[in-house]
């Protein structure tokens, strides 16, 4: 068991099983993964801090999910959509995305 990977996975699950988005969670996830969130993406996420997912389009929620998985992953830890059993998973990812092997394949299509 890798405690760092477990902690990141739990934080991602918490973030997307909540009713609203939290940039603080993303910052903590990126920090533990030793990633730096680029300014433009951080500004976008900071702007929607505490906004309910129900107010977002599915396309935007999918972008958030993919972006968070990107910042959760590093050279030692890789996540993909199928790693998460979320109650709202259908709102963030489509069935074909669950089959992709890594976050890189989701972002590079």
PDB file of N, CA and C in Angstrom:
ATOM      1  N   UNK A   1       0.832  -1.173   0.000  1.00  0.00           N
ATOM      2  CA  UNK A   1       0.000   0.000   0.000  1.00  0.00           C
ATOM      3  C   UNK A   1       0.887   1.249   0.000  1.00  0.00           C
ATOM      4  N   UNK A   2       0.551   2.180  -0.856  1.00  0.00           N
ATOM      5  CA  UNK A   2       1.258   3.455  -0.943  1.00  0.00           C
ATOM      6  C   UNK A   2       0.393   4.516  -0.270  1.00  0.00           C
ATOM      7  N   UNK A   3       0.779   4.976   0.922  1.00  0.00           N
ATOM      8  CA  UNK A   3      -0.065   5.937   1.645  1.00  0.00           C
ATOM      9  C   UNK A   3      -0.289   7.239   0.889  1.00  0.00           C
ATOM     10  N   UNK A   4       0.704   7.670   0.111  1.00  0.00           N
ATOM     11  CA  UNK A   4       0.540   8.907  -0.652  1.00  0.00           C
ATOM     12  C   UNK A   4      -0.539   8.728  -1.722  1.00  0.00           C
ATOM     13  N   UNK A   5      -0.474   7.620  -2.456  1.00  0.00           N
ATOM     14  CA  UNK A   5      -1.480   7.360  -3.496  1.00  0.00           C
ATOM     15  C   UNK A   5      -2.861   7.210  -2.878  1.00  0.00           C
ATOM     16  N   UNK A   6      -2.942   6.527  -1.749  1.00  0.00           N
ATOM     17  CA  UNK A   6      -4.227   6.359  -1.057  1.00  0.00           C
ATOM     18  C   UNK A   6      -4.804   7.720  -0.651  1.00  0.00           C
ATOM     19  N   UNK A   7      -3.959   8.579  -0.088  1.00  0.00           N
ATOM     20  CA  UNK A   7      -4.417   9.900   0.353  1.00  0.00           C
ATOM     21  C   UNK A   7      -4.914  10.732  -0.826  1.00  0.00           C
ATOM     22  N   UNK A   8      -4.178  10.686  -1.923  1.00  0.00           N
ATOM     23  CA  UNK A   8      -4.583  11.445  -3.108  1.00  0.00           C
ATOM     24  C   UNK A   8      -5.904  10.905  -3.652  1.00  0.00           C
ATOM     25  N   UNK A   9      -6.027   9.591  -3.739  1.00  0.00           N
ATOM     26  CA  UNK A   9      -7.264   8.991  -4.243  1.00  0.00           C
ATOM     27  C   UNK A   9      -8.456   9.355  -3.361  1.00  0.00           C
ATOM     28  N   UNK A  10      -8.264   9.327  -2.065  1.00  0.00           N
ATOM     29  CA  UNK A  10      -9.347   9.713  -1.154  1.00  0.00           C
ATOM     30  C   UNK A  10      -9.725  11.177  -1.331  1.00  0.00           C
ATOM     31  N   UNK A  11      -8.738  12.024  -1.509  1.00  0.00           N
ATOM     32  CA  UNK A  11      -9.004  13.459  -1.685  1.00  0.00           C
ATOM     33  C   UNK A  11      -9.748  13.720  -2.997  1.00  0.00           C
ATOM     34  N   UNK A  12      -9.355  13.021  -4.064  1.00  0.00           N
ATOM     35  CA  UNK A  12     -10.053  13.183  -5.349  1.00  0.00           C
ATOM     36  C   UNK A  12     -11.502  12.700  -5.224  1.00  0.00           C
ATOM     37  N   UNK A  13     -11.694  11.554  -4.593  1.00  0.00           N
ATOM     38  CA  UNK A  13     -13.052  11.030  -4.397  1.00  0.00           C
ATOM     39  C   UNK A  13     -13.897  11.995  -3.586  1.00  0.00           C
ATOM     40  N   UNK A  14     -13.329  12.526  -2.510  1.00  0.00           N
ATOM     41  CA  UNK A  14     -14.057  13.495  -1.671  1.00  0.00           C
ATOM     42  C   UNK A  14     -14.443  14.720  -2.487  1.00  0.00           C
ATOM     43  N   UNK A  15     -13.499  15.224  -3.257  1.00  0.00           N
ATOM     44  CA  UNK A  15     -13.735  16.425  -4.052  1.00  0.00           C
ATOM     45  C   UNK A  15     -14.921  16.245  -4.993  1.00  0.00           C
ATOM     46  N   UNK A  16     -14.980  15.116  -5.695  1.00  0.00           N
ATOM     47  CA  UNK A  16     -16.023  14.945  -6.699  1.00  0.00           C
ATOM     48  C   UNK A  16     -17.277  14.260  -6.176  1.00  0.00           C
ATOM     49  N   UNK A  17     -17.274  13.841  -4.920  1.00  0.00           N
ATOM     50  CA  UNK A  17     -18.497  13.343  -4.305  1.00  0.00           C
ATOM     51  C   UNK A  17     -19.176  14.416  -3.464  1.00  0.00           C
ATOM     52  N   UNK A  18     -18.568  15.577  -3.393  1.00  0.00           N
ATOM     53  CA  UNK A  18     -19.170  16.706  -2.694  1.00  0.00           C
ATOM     54  C   UNK A  18     -20.176  17.372  -3.617  1.00  0.00           C
ATOM     55  N   UNK A  19     -20.944  18.284  -3.058  1.00  0.00           N
ATOM     56  CA  UNK A  19     -21.918  19.019  -3.873  1.00  0.00           C
ATOM     57  C   UNK A  19     -21.279  20.193  -4.593  1.00  0.00           C
ATOM     58  N   UNK A  20     -20.139  20.639  -4.084  1.00  0.00           N
ATOM     59  CA  UNK A  20     -19.495  21.805  -4.687  1.00  0.00           C
ATOM     60  C   UNK A  20     -18.005  21.574  -4.876  1.00  0.00           C
ATOM     61  N   UNK A  21     -17.424  22.393  -5.724  1.00  0.00           N
ATOM     62  CA  UNK A  21     -16.004  22.306  -6.052  1.00  0.00           C
ATOM     63  C   UNK A  21     -15.175  23.067  -5.024  1.00  0.00           C
ATOM     64  N   UNK A  22     -13.995  22.538  -4.692  1.00  0.00           N
ATOM     65  CA  UNK A  22     -13.090  23.191  -3.750  1.00  0.00           C
ATOM     66  C   UNK A  22     -11.685  23.269  -4.344  1.00  0.00           C
ATOM     67  N   UNK A  23     -11.251  24.484  -4.636  1.00  0.00           N
ATOM     68  CA  UNK A  23      -9.894  24.672  -5.148  1.00  0.00           C
ATOM     69  C   UNK A  23      -8.865  24.305  -4.079  1.00  0.00           C
ATOM     70  N   UNK A  24      -9.232  24.434  -2.821  1.00  0.00           N
ATOM     71  CA  UNK A  24      -8.310  24.069  -1.730  1.00  0.00           C
ATOM     72  C   UNK A  24      -7.934  22.593  -1.818  1.00  0.00           C
ATOM     73  N   UNK A  25      -8.914  21.742  -2.116  1.00  0.00           N
ATOM     74  CA  UNK A  25      -8.635  20.315  -2.267  1.00  0.00           C
ATOM     75  C   UNK A  25      -7.673  20.067  -3.427  1.00  0.00           C
ATOM     76  N   UNK A  26      -7.879  20.776  -4.529  1.00  0.00           N
ATOM     77  CA  UNK A  26      -7.008  20.613  -5.694  1.00  0.00           C
ATOM     78  C   UNK A  26      -5.590  21.049  -5.354  1.00  0.00           C
ATOM     79  N   UNK A  27      -5.457  22.154  -4.653  1.00  0.00           N
ATOM     80  CA  UNK A  27      -4.129  22.628  -4.249  1.00  0.00           C
ATOM     81  C   UNK A  27      -3.426  21.586  -3.379  1.00  0.00           C
ATOM     82  N   UNK A  28      -4.159  20.978  -2.452  1.00  0.00           N
ATOM     83  CA  UNK A  28      -3.573  19.953  -1.582  1.00  0.00           C
ATOM     84  C   UNK A  28      -3.193  18.696  -2.365  1.00  0.00           C
ATOM     85  N   UNK A  29      -4.039  18.316  -3.299  1.00  0.00           N
ATOM     86  CA  UNK A  29      -3.754  17.146  -4.144  1.00  0.00           C
ATOM     87  C   UNK A  29      -2.482  17.396  -4.959  1.00  0.00           C
ATOM     88  N   UNK A  30      -2.404  18.550  -5.597  1.00  0.00           N
ATOM     89  CA  UNK A  30      -1.226  18.883  -6.412  1.00  0.00           C
ATOM     90  C   UNK A  30       0.035  18.955  -5.556  1.00  0.00           C
ATOM     91  N   UNK A  31      -0.087  19.529  -4.377  1.00  0.00           N
ATOM     92  CA  UNK A  31       1.071  19.654  -3.481  1.00  0.00           C
ATOM     93  C   UNK A  31       1.607  18.276  -3.091  1.00  0.00           C
ATOM     94  N   UNK A  32       0.713  17.371  -2.717  1.00  0.00           N
ATOM     95  CA  UNK A  32       1.155  16.028  -2.323  1.00  0.00           C
ATOM     96  C   UNK A  32       1.760  15.286  -3.510  1.00  0.00           C
ATOM     97  N   UNK A  33       1.264  15.564  -4.711  1.00  0.00           N
ATOM     98  CA  UNK A  33       1.805  14.939  -5.919  1.00  0.00           C
ATOM     99  C   UNK A  33       3.053  15.634  -6.436  1.00  0.00           C
ATOM    100  N   UNK A  34       3.436  16.726  -5.752  1.00  0.00           N
ATOM    101  CA  UNK A  34       4.596  17.531  -6.149  1.00  0.00           C
ATOM    102  C   UNK A  34       4.409  18.151  -7.540  1.00  0.00           C
ATOM    103  N   UNK A  35       3.179  18.597  -7.797  1.00  0.00           N
ATOM    104  CA  UNK A  35       2.856  19.278  -9.045  1.00  0.00           C
ATOM    105  C   UNK A  35       2.540  20.736  -8.761  1.00  0.00           C
ATOM    106  N   UNK A  36       2.791  21.568  -9.740  1.00  0.00           N
ATOM    107  CA  UNK A  36       2.457  22.991  -9.648  1.00  0.00           C
ATOM    108  C   UNK A  36       1.329  23.252 -10.637  1.00  0.00           C
ATOM    109  N   UNK A  37       0.269  23.859 -10.156  1.00  0.00           N
ATOM    110  CA  UNK A  37      -0.859  24.183 -11.015  1.00  0.00           C
ATOM    111  C   UNK A  37      -0.530  25.467 -11.762  1.00  0.00           C
ATOM    112  N   UNK A  38      -0.621  25.404 -13.081  1.00  0.00           N
ATOM    113  CA  UNK A  38      -0.304  26.613 -13.842  1.00  0.00           C
ATOM    114  C   UNK A  38      -1.326  27.714 -13.530  1.00  0.00           C
ATOM    115  N   UNK A  39      -0.902  28.949 -13.670  1.00  0.00           N
ATOM    116  CA  UNK A  39      -1.692  30.104 -13.240  1.00  0.00           C
ATOM    117  C   UNK A  39      -3.067  30.160 -13.898  1.00  0.00           C
ATOM    118  N   UNK A  40      -3.135  29.926 -15.194  1.00  0.00           N
ATOM    119  CA  UNK A  40      -4.421  30.021 -15.881  1.00  0.00           C
ATOM    120  C   UNK A  40      -5.427  29.016 -15.328  1.00  0.00           C
ATOM    121  N   UNK A  41      -5.006  27.764 -15.167  1.00  0.00           N
ATOM    122  CA  UNK A  41      -5.915  26.749 -14.631  1.00  0.00           C
ATOM    123  C   UNK A  41      -6.279  27.055 -13.182  1.00  0.00           C
ATOM    124  N   UNK A  42      -5.309  27.518 -12.400  1.00  0.00           N
ATOM    125  CA  UNK A  42      -5.591  27.867 -11.015  1.00  0.00           C
ATOM    126  C   UNK A  42      -6.597  29.012 -10.947  1.00  0.00           C
ATOM    127  N   UNK A  43      -6.432  30.014 -11.790  1.00  0.00           N
ATOM    128  CA  UNK A  43      -7.367  31.146 -11.803  1.00  0.00           C
ATOM    129  C   UNK A  43      -8.780  30.689 -12.149  1.00  0.00           C
ATOM    130  N   UNK A  44      -8.899  29.789 -13.118  1.00  0.00           N
ATOM    131  CA  UNK A  44     -10.216  29.256 -13.489  1.00  0.00           C
ATOM    132  C   UNK A  44     -10.827  28.521 -12.300  1.00  0.00           C
ATOM    133  N   UNK A  45     -10.045  27.635 -11.689  1.00  0.00           N
ATOM    134  CA  UNK A  45     -10.574  26.845 -10.570  1.00  0.00           C
ATOM    135  C   UNK A  45     -10.854  27.716  -9.349  1.00  0.00           C
ATOM    136  N   UNK A  46     -10.035  28.717  -9.123  1.00  0.00           N
ATOM    137  CA  UNK A  46     -10.260  29.610  -7.986  1.00  0.00           C
ATOM    138  C   UNK A  46     -11.565  30.388  -8.156  1.00  0.00           C
ATOM    139  N   UNK A  47     -11.869  30.755  -9.391  1.00  0.00           N
ATOM    140  CA  UNK A  47     -13.085  31.500  -9.681  1.00  0.00           C
ATOM    141  C   UNK A  47     -14.339  30.700  -9.363  1.00  0.00           C
ATOM    142  N   UNK A  48     -14.276  29.389  -9.511  1.00  0.00           N
ATOM    143  CA  UNK A  48     -15.469  28.569  -9.255  1.00  0.00           C
ATOM    144  C   UNK A  48     -15.418  27.869  -7.893  1.00  0.00           C
ATOM    145  N   UNK A  49     -14.533  28.302  -7.037  1.00  0.00           N
ATOM    146  CA  UNK A  49     -14.442  27.730  -5.681  1.00  0.00           C
ATOM    147  C   UNK A  49     -15.811  27.825  -5.000  1.00  0.00           C
ATOM    148  N   UNK A  50     -16.268  26.719  -4.479  1.00  0.00           N
ATOM    149  CA  UNK A  50     -17.548  26.595  -3.764  1.00  0.00           C
ATOM    150  C   UNK A  50     -18.780  26.678  -4.662  1.00  0.00           C
ATOM    151  N   UNK A  51     -18.614  26.624  -5.969  1.00  0.00           N
ATOM    152  CA  UNK A  51     -19.755  26.570  -6.882  1.00  0.00           C
ATOM    153  C   UNK A  51     -20.255  25.129  -6.924  1.00  0.00           C
ATOM    154  N   UNK A  52     -21.572  24.950  -6.870  1.00  0.00           N
ATOM    155  CA  UNK A  52     -22.158  23.614  -6.929  1.00  0.00           C
ATOM    156  C   UNK A  52     -21.956  23.015  -8.314  1.00  0.00           C
ATOM    157  N   UNK A  53     -21.644  21.722  -8.342  1.00  0.00           N
ATOM    158  CA  UNK A  53     -21.463  21.031  -9.615  1.00  0.00           C
ATOM    159  C   UNK A  53     -22.735  21.108 -10.462  1.00  0.00           C
ATOM    160  N   UNK A  54     -23.881  21.140  -9.815  1.00  0.00           N
ATOM    161  CA  UNK A  54     -25.150  21.187 -10.551  1.00  0.00           C
ATOM    162  C   UNK A  54     -25.295  22.454 -11.382  1.00  0.00           C
ATOM    163  N   UNK A  55     -24.526  23.468 -11.087  1.00  0.00           N
ATOM    164  CA  UNK A  55     -24.570  24.716 -11.846  1.00  0.00           C
ATOM    165  C   UNK A  55     -23.612  24.700 -13.041  1.00  0.00           C
ATOM    166  N   UNK A  56     -22.805  23.666 -13.165  1.00  0.00           N
ATOM    167  CA  UNK A  56     -21.804  23.569 -14.226  1.00  0.00           C
ATOM    168  C   UNK A  56     -22.304  22.675 -15.351  1.00  0.00           C
ATOM    169  N   UNK A  57     -21.841  22.942 -16.553  1.00  0.00           N
ATOM    170  CA  UNK A  57     -22.166  22.051 -17.659  1.00  0.00           C
ATOM    171  C   UNK A  57     -21.407  20.740 -17.484  1.00  0.00           C
ATOM    172  N   UNK A  58     -21.888  19.695 -18.136  1.00  0.00           N
ATOM    173  CA  UNK A  58     -21.192  18.411 -18.058  1.00  0.00           C
ATOM    174  C   UNK A  58     -19.807  18.532 -18.679  1.00  0.00           C
ATOM    175  N   UNK A  59     -19.692  19.296 -19.742  1.00  0.00           N
ATOM    176  CA  UNK A  59     -18.395  19.471 -20.396  1.00  0.00           C
ATOM    177  C   UNK A  59     -17.384  20.121 -19.447  1.00  0.00           C
ATOM    178  N   UNK A  60     -17.837  21.118 -18.682  1.00  0.00           N
ATOM    179  CA  UNK A  60     -16.936  21.779 -17.750  1.00  0.00           C
ATOM    180  C   UNK A  60     -16.575  20.856 -16.590  1.00  0.00           C
ATOM    181  N   UNK A  61     -17.546  20.091 -16.092  1.00  0.00           N
ATOM    182  CA  UNK A  61     -17.257  19.134 -15.013  1.00  0.00           C
ATOM    183  C   UNK A  61     -16.240  18.097 -15.479  1.00  0.00           C
ATOM    184  N   UNK A  62     -16.374  17.662 -16.726  1.00  0.00           N
ATOM    185  CA  UNK A  62     -15.418  16.697 -17.280  1.00  0.00           C
ATOM    186  C   UNK A  62     -14.024  17.322 -17.346  1.00  0.00           C
ATOM    187  N   UNK A  63     -13.943  18.577 -17.789  1.00  0.00           N
ATOM    188  CA  UNK A  63     -12.652  19.281 -17.829  1.00  0.00           C
ATOM    189  C   UNK A  63     -12.046  19.353 -16.428  1.00  0.00           C
ATOM    190  N   UNK A  64     -12.853  19.680 -15.423  1.00  0.00           N
ATOM    191  CA  UNK A  64     -12.359  19.733 -14.041  1.00  0.00           C
ATOM    192  C   UNK A  64     -11.801  18.382 -13.614  1.00  0.00           C
ATOM    193  N   UNK A  65     -12.557  17.327 -13.867  1.00  0.00           N
ATOM    194  CA  UNK A  65     -12.140  15.989 -13.459  1.00  0.00           C
ATOM    195  C   UNK A  65     -10.813  15.612 -14.114  1.00  0.00           C
ATOM    196  N   UNK A  66     -10.717  15.826 -15.416  1.00  0.00           N
ATOM    197  CA  UNK A  66      -9.488  15.496 -16.128  1.00  0.00           C
ATOM    198  C   UNK A  66      -8.314  16.345 -15.638  1.00  0.00           C
ATOM    199  N   UNK A  67      -8.579  17.605 -15.369  1.00  0.00           N
ATOM    200  CA  UNK A  67      -7.527  18.507 -14.891  1.00  0.00           C
ATOM    201  C   UNK A  67      -7.040  18.083 -13.514  1.00  0.00           C
ATOM    202  N   UNK A  68      -7.953  17.744 -12.632  1.00  0.00           N
ATOM    203  CA  UNK A  68      -7.570  17.300 -11.284  1.00  0.00           C
ATOM    204  C   UNK A  68      -6.782  15.994 -11.366  1.00  0.00           C
ATOM    205  N   UNK A  69      -7.210  15.059 -12.200  1.00  0.00           N
ATOM    206  CA  UNK A  69      -6.448  13.807 -12.341  1.00  0.00           C
ATOM    207  C   UNK A  69      -5.048  14.069 -12.877  1.00  0.00           C
ATOM    208  N   UNK A  70      -4.931  15.022 -13.767  1.00  0.00           N
ATOM    209  CA  UNK A  70      -3.605  15.392 -14.284  1.00  0.00           C
ATOM    210  C   UNK A  70      -2.707  15.879 -13.150  1.00  0.00           C
ATOM    211  N   UNK A  71      -3.224  16.746 -12.289  1.00  0.00           N
ATOM    212  CA  UNK A  71      -2.427  17.268 -11.180  1.00  0.00           C
ATOM    213  C   UNK A  71      -2.270  16.271 -10.042  1.00  0.00           C
ATOM    214  N   UNK A  72      -3.081  15.225 -10.026  1.00  0.00           N
ATOM    215  CA  UNK A  72      -2.941  14.173  -9.017  1.00  0.00           C
ATOM    216  C   UNK A  72      -1.863  13.166  -9.396  1.00  0.00           C
ATOM    217  N   UNK A  73      -1.542  13.116 -10.679  1.00  0.00           N
ATOM    218  CA  UNK A  73      -0.592  12.126 -11.179  1.00  0.00           C
ATOM    219  C   UNK A  73       0.807  12.700 -11.274  1.00  0.00           C
ATOM    220  N   UNK A  74       1.784  11.815 -11.179  1.00  0.00           N
ATOM    221  CA  UNK A  74       3.186  12.204 -11.377  1.00  0.00           C
ATOM    222  C   UNK A  74       3.937  10.996 -11.940  1.00  0.00           C
ATOM    223  N   UNK A  75       5.250  11.044 -11.945  1.00  0.00           N
ATOM    224  CA  UNK A  75       6.039   9.937 -12.506  1.00  0.00           C
ATOM    225  C   UNK A  75       5.834   8.624 -11.758  1.00  0.00           C
ATOM    226  N   UNK A  76       5.526   8.705 -10.462  1.00  0.00           N
ATOM    227  CA  UNK A  76       5.374   7.503  -9.638  1.00  0.00           C
ATOM    228  C   UNK A  76       3.924   7.074  -9.452  1.00  0.00           C
ATOM    229  N   UNK A  77       3.001   8.011  -9.608  1.00  0.00           N
ATOM    230  CA  UNK A  77       1.590   7.738  -9.346  1.00  0.00           C
ATOM    231  C   UNK A  77       0.783   8.170 -10.563  1.00  0.00           C
ATOM    232  N   UNK A  78      -0.004   7.243 -11.098  1.00  0.00           N
ATOM    233  CA  UNK A  78      -0.873   7.561 -12.228  1.00  0.00           C
ATOM    234  C   UNK A  78      -2.295   7.145 -11.888  1.00  0.00           C
ATOM    235  N   UNK A  79      -3.225   8.026 -12.173  1.00  0.00           N
ATOM    236  CA  UNK A  79      -4.633   7.729 -11.962  1.00  0.00           C
ATOM    237  C   UNK A  79      -5.364   7.779 -13.292  1.00  0.00           C
ATOM    238  N   UNK A  80      -6.417   6.992 -13.396  1.00  0.00           N
ATOM    239  CA  UNK A  80      -7.331   7.124 -14.516  1.00  0.00           C
ATOM    240  C   UNK A  80      -8.749   7.081 -13.965  1.00  0.00           C
ATOM    241  N   UNK A  81      -9.700   7.379 -14.804  1.00  0.00           N
ATOM    242  CA  UNK A  81     -11.084   7.522 -14.349  1.00  0.00           C
ATOM    243  C   UNK A  81     -11.606   6.273 -13.656  1.00  0.00           C
ATOM    244  N   UNK A  82     -11.208   5.100 -14.104  1.00  0.00           N
ATOM    245  CA  UNK A  82     -11.731   3.859 -13.521  1.00  0.00           C
ATOM    246  C   UNK A  82     -11.212   3.603 -12.109  1.00  0.00           C
ATOM    247  N   UNK A  83     -10.236   4.391 -11.643  1.00  0.00           N
ATOM    248  CA  UNK A  83      -9.755   4.247 -10.274  1.00  0.00           C
ATOM    249  C   UNK A  83     -10.757   4.778  -9.252  1.00  0.00           C
ATOM    250  N   UNK A  84     -11.788   5.483  -9.730  1.00  0.00           N
ATOM    251  CA  UNK A  84     -12.709   6.146  -8.821  1.00  0.00           C
ATOM    252  C   UNK A  84     -14.120   5.632  -8.998  1.00  0.00           C
ATOM    253  N   UNK A  85     -14.726   5.255  -7.871  1.00  0.00           N
ATOM    254  CA  UNK A  85     -16.114   4.815  -7.844  1.00  0.00           C
ATOM    255  C   UNK A  85     -16.907   5.933  -7.189  1.00  0.00           C
ATOM    256  N   UNK A  86     -17.300   6.887  -7.999  1.00  0.00           N
ATOM    257  CA  UNK A  86     -17.956   8.067  -7.456  1.00  0.00           C
ATOM    258  C   UNK A  86     -19.448   8.018  -7.718  1.00  0.00           C
ATOM    259  N   UNK A  87     -20.243   8.508  -6.765  1.00  0.00           N
ATOM    260  CA  UNK A  87     -21.691   8.503  -6.943  1.00  0.00           C
ATOM    261  C   UNK A  87     -22.112   9.368  -8.114  1.00  0.00           C
ATOM    262  N   UNK A  88     -21.306  10.362  -8.453  1.00  0.00           N
ATOM    263  CA  UNK A  88     -21.630  11.265  -9.555  1.00  0.00           C
ATOM    264  C   UNK A  88     -20.749  11.008 -10.771  1.00  0.00           C
ATOM    265  N   UNK A  89     -20.161   9.838 -10.859  1.00  0.00           N
ATOM    266  CA  UNK A  89     -19.179   9.578 -11.915  1.00  0.00           C
ATOM    267  C   UNK A  89     -19.722   9.868 -13.301  1.00  0.00           C
ATOM    268  N   UNK A  90     -20.962   9.538 -13.539  1.00  0.00           N
ATOM    269  CA  UNK A  90     -21.545   9.781 -14.853  1.00  0.00           C
ATOM    270  C   UNK A  90     -21.585  11.244 -15.224  1.00  0.00           C
ATOM    271  N   UNK A  91     -21.562  12.109 -14.227  1.00  0.00           N
ATOM    272  CA  UNK A  91     -21.595  13.538 -14.492  1.00  0.00           C
ATOM    273  C   UNK A  91     -20.213  14.070 -14.851  1.00  0.00           C
ATOM    274  N   UNK A  92     -19.178  13.330 -14.577  1.00  0.00           N
ATOM    275  CA  UNK A  92     -17.818  13.802 -14.796  1.00  0.00           C
ATOM    276  C   UNK A  92     -17.114  13.098 -15.947  1.00  0.00           C
ATOM    277  N   UNK A  93     -17.473  11.862 -16.175  1.00  0.00           N
ATOM    278  CA  UNK A  93     -16.781  11.084 -17.205  1.00  0.00           C
ATOM    279  C   UNK A  93     -17.779  10.265 -17.993  1.00  0.00           C
ATOM    280  N   UNK A  94     -17.452   9.976 -19.212  1.00  0.00           N
ATOM    281  CA  UNK A  94     -18.307   9.131 -20.043  1.00  0.00           C
ATOM    282  C   UNK A  94     -17.774   7.702 -20.003  1.00  0.00           C
ATOM    283  N   UNK A  95     -18.598   6.703 -20.362  1.00  0.00           N
ATOM    284  CA  UNK A  95     -18.147   5.301 -20.294  1.00  0.00           C
ATOM    285  C   UNK A  95     -16.858   5.037 -21.070  1.00  0.00           C
ATOM    286  N   UNK A  96     -16.670   5.661 -22.227  1.00  0.00           N
ATOM    287  CA  UNK A  96     -15.444   5.406 -22.987  1.00  0.00           C
ATOM    288  C   UNK A  96     -14.222   5.945 -22.252  1.00  0.00           C
ATOM    289  N   UNK A  97     -14.368   7.021 -21.456  1.00  0.00           N
ATOM    290  CA  UNK A  97     -13.230   7.543 -20.705  1.00  0.00           C
ATOM    291  C   UNK A  97     -12.792   6.569 -19.618  1.00  0.00           C
ATOM    292  N   UNK A  98     -13.719   5.821 -19.058  1.00  0.00           N
ATOM    293  CA  UNK A  98     -13.375   4.861 -18.015  1.00  0.00           C
ATOM    294  C   UNK A  98     -12.441   3.772 -18.537  1.00  0.00           C
ATOM    295  N   UNK A  99     -12.487   3.515 -19.838  1.00  0.00           N
ATOM    296  CA  UNK A  99     -11.686   2.449 -20.423  1.00  0.00           C
ATOM    297  C   UNK A  99     -10.276   2.897 -20.773  1.00  0.00           C
ATOM    298  N   UNK A 100     -10.018   4.168 -20.754  1.00  0.00           N
ATOM    299  CA  UNK A 100      -8.688   4.659 -21.136  1.00  0.00           C
ATOM    300  C   UNK A 100      -7.693   4.308 -20.031  1.00  0.00           C
ATOM    301  N   UNK A 101      -6.483   3.894 -20.401  1.00  0.00           N
ATOM    302  CA  UNK A 101      -5.535   3.382 -19.416  1.00  0.00           C
ATOM    303  C   UNK A 101      -4.907   4.435 -18.504  1.00  0.00           C
ATOM    304  N   UNK A 102      -4.738   5.670 -18.965  1.00  0.00           N
ATOM    305  CA  UNK A 102      -4.077   6.669 -18.116  1.00  0.00           C
ATOM    306  C   UNK A 102      -4.685   8.033 -18.355  1.00  0.00           C
ATOM    307  N   UNK A 103      -4.431   8.940 -17.441  1.00  0.00           N
ATOM    308  CA  UNK A 103      -4.895  10.313 -17.583  1.00  0.00           C
ATOM    309  C   UNK A 103      -4.287  10.947 -18.827  1.00  0.00           C
ATOM    310  N   UNK A 104      -3.072  10.584 -19.166  1.00  0.00           N
ATOM    311  CA  UNK A 104      -2.433  11.162 -20.353  1.00  0.00           C
ATOM    312  C   UNK A 104      -3.239  10.849 -21.605  1.00  0.00           C
ATOM    313  N   UNK A 105      -3.782   9.655 -21.708  1.00  0.00           N
ATOM    314  CA  UNK A 105      -4.555   9.327 -22.893  1.00  0.00           C
ATOM    315  C   UNK A 105      -5.856  10.113 -22.925  1.00  0.00           C
ATOM    316  N   UNK A 106      -6.393  10.441 -21.755  1.00  0.00           N
ATOM    317  CA  UNK A 106      -7.615  11.255 -21.734  1.00  0.00           C
ATOM    318  C   UNK A 106      -7.304  12.686 -22.159  1.00  0.00           C
ATOM    319  N   UNK A 107      -6.174  13.210 -21.770  1.00  0.00           N
ATOM    320  CA  UNK A 107      -5.854  14.598 -22.050  1.00  0.00           C
ATOM    321  C   UNK A 107      -5.303  14.813 -23.444  1.00  0.00           C
ATOM    322  N   UNK A 108      -4.736  13.777 -24.034  1.00  0.00           N
ATOM    323  CA  UNK A 108      -4.071  13.928 -25.314  1.00  0.00           C
ATOM    324  C   UNK A 108      -4.911  13.526 -26.516  1.00  0.00           C
ATOM    325  N   UNK A 109      -6.202  13.384 -26.333  1.00  0.00           N
ATOM    326  CA  UNK A 109      -7.019  12.999 -27.494  1.00  0.00           C
ATOM    327  C   UNK A 109      -7.538  14.188 -28.229  1.00  0.00           C
TER     328      UNK A 109
END
